[in-house]
Amino acid sequence: MTLGDKLLIVFIAFLSLLAGVIWMSFRERRLARAIPPGDRAAQQAADGRVLVTVFGGIFGGMLLTLLVAWLVFF
């Protein structure tokens, strides 16, 4: 397997990670519209799920960056 093939796989993983974060964020936003304005607990839970998804995506991107550096330099 060439370096280009390995980097293509990492790029596809990055796009999948990005698509998952975007999908989850828009899904959660759509579901949050149905929450009554006075239900603070449900609103906070929805916000928490979005934050976990976004920060999980950030850490996943960091791991992919380390993987690319390892593939290129070692």
Protein backbone atom coordinates (compact mmCIF):
# COMPACT_ATOMS: atom_id res chain seq x y z
CA MET A 1 0.00 0.00 0.00
CA THR A 2 1.49 3.32 -1.04
CA LEU A 3 1.62 6.49 1.03
CA GLY A 4 -1.02 8.04 -1.22
CA ASP A 5 -3.40 5.15 -0.54
CA LYS A 6 -2.89 5.48 3.21
CA LEU A 7 -3.47 9.23 3.10
CA LEU A 8 -6.62 8.69 1.02
CA ILE A 9 -7.96 6.38 3.72
CA VAL A 10 -7.19 8.98 6.40
CA PHE A 11 -8.88 11.67 4.28
CA ILE A 12 -12.00 9.52 3.92
CA ALA A 13 -11.96 8.95 7.70
CA PHE A 14 -11.73 12.72 8.22
CA LEU A 15 -14.67 13.35 5.89
CA SER A 16 -16.69 10.68 7.69
CA LEU A 17 -15.89 12.26 11.05
CA LEU A 18 -16.87 15.70 9.77
CA ALA A 19 -20.10 14.40 8.23
CA GLY A 20 -21.01 12.66 11.50
CA VAL A 21 -20.50 15.82 13.54
CA ILE A 22 -22.53 17.93 11.10
CA TRP A 23 -25.32 15.34 10.92
CA MET A 24 -25.54 15.03 14.71
CA SER A 25 -25.51 18.80 15.22
CA PHE A 26 -28.30 19.43 12.73
CA ARG A 27 -30.30 16.49 14.07
CA GLU A 28 -30.01 17.79 17.62
CA ARG A 29 -30.93 21.31 16.50
CA ARG A 30 -34.05 19.98 14.78
CA LEU A 31 -35.05 18.00 17.88
CA ALA A 32 -34.36 20.97 20.17
CA ARG A 33 -36.99 23.05 18.38
CA ALA A 34 -39.67 20.73 19.79
CA ILE A 35 -38.56 21.35 23.39
CA PRO A 36 -40.92 23.67 25.26
CA PRO A 37 -39.33 27.03 26.17
CA GLY A 38 -39.61 26.41 29.93
CA ASP A 39 -37.95 22.98 29.95
CA ARG A 40 -34.43 23.96 30.98
CA ALA A 41 -33.27 20.40 31.72
CA ALA A 42 -34.12 19.19 28.22
CA GLN A 43 -32.45 22.23 26.65
CA GLN A 44 -29.29 21.69 28.67
CA ALA A 45 -29.26 18.00 27.78
CA ALA A 46 -29.54 18.86 24.08
CA ASP A 47 -26.72 21.39 24.40
CA GLY A 48 -24.59 18.82 26.19
CA ARG A 49 -25.08 16.26 23.43
CA VAL A 50 -24.01 18.79 20.80
CA LEU A 51 -20.94 19.78 22.82
CA VAL A 52 -19.90 16.14 23.34
CA THR A 53 -20.25 15.53 19.61
CA VAL A 54 -18.29 18.61 18.59
CA PHE A 55 -15.47 18.07 21.09
CA GLY A 56 -15.38 14.37 20.23
CA GLY A 57 -14.93 15.40 16.60
CA ILE A 58 -12.13 17.75 17.59
CA PHE A 59 -10.28 15.01 19.44
CA GLY A 60 -10.90 12.62 16.55
CA GLY A 61 -9.41 15.18 14.17
CA MET A 62 -6.37 15.51 16.43
CA LEU A 63 -5.87 11.75 16.33
CA LEU A 64 -6.14 11.78 12.55
CA THR A 65 -3.53 14.54 12.45
CA LEU A 66 -1.15 12.42 14.50
CA LEU A 67 -1.85 9.47 12.20
CA VAL A 68 -1.00 11.56 9.12
CA ALA A 69 2.21 12.79 10.74
CA TRP A 70 3.16 9.22 11.60
CA LEU A 71 2.41 8.03 8.05
CA VAL A 72 4.37 10.81 6.39
CA PHE A 73 7.40 11.07 8.63
CA PHE A 74 7.96 7.46 9.78
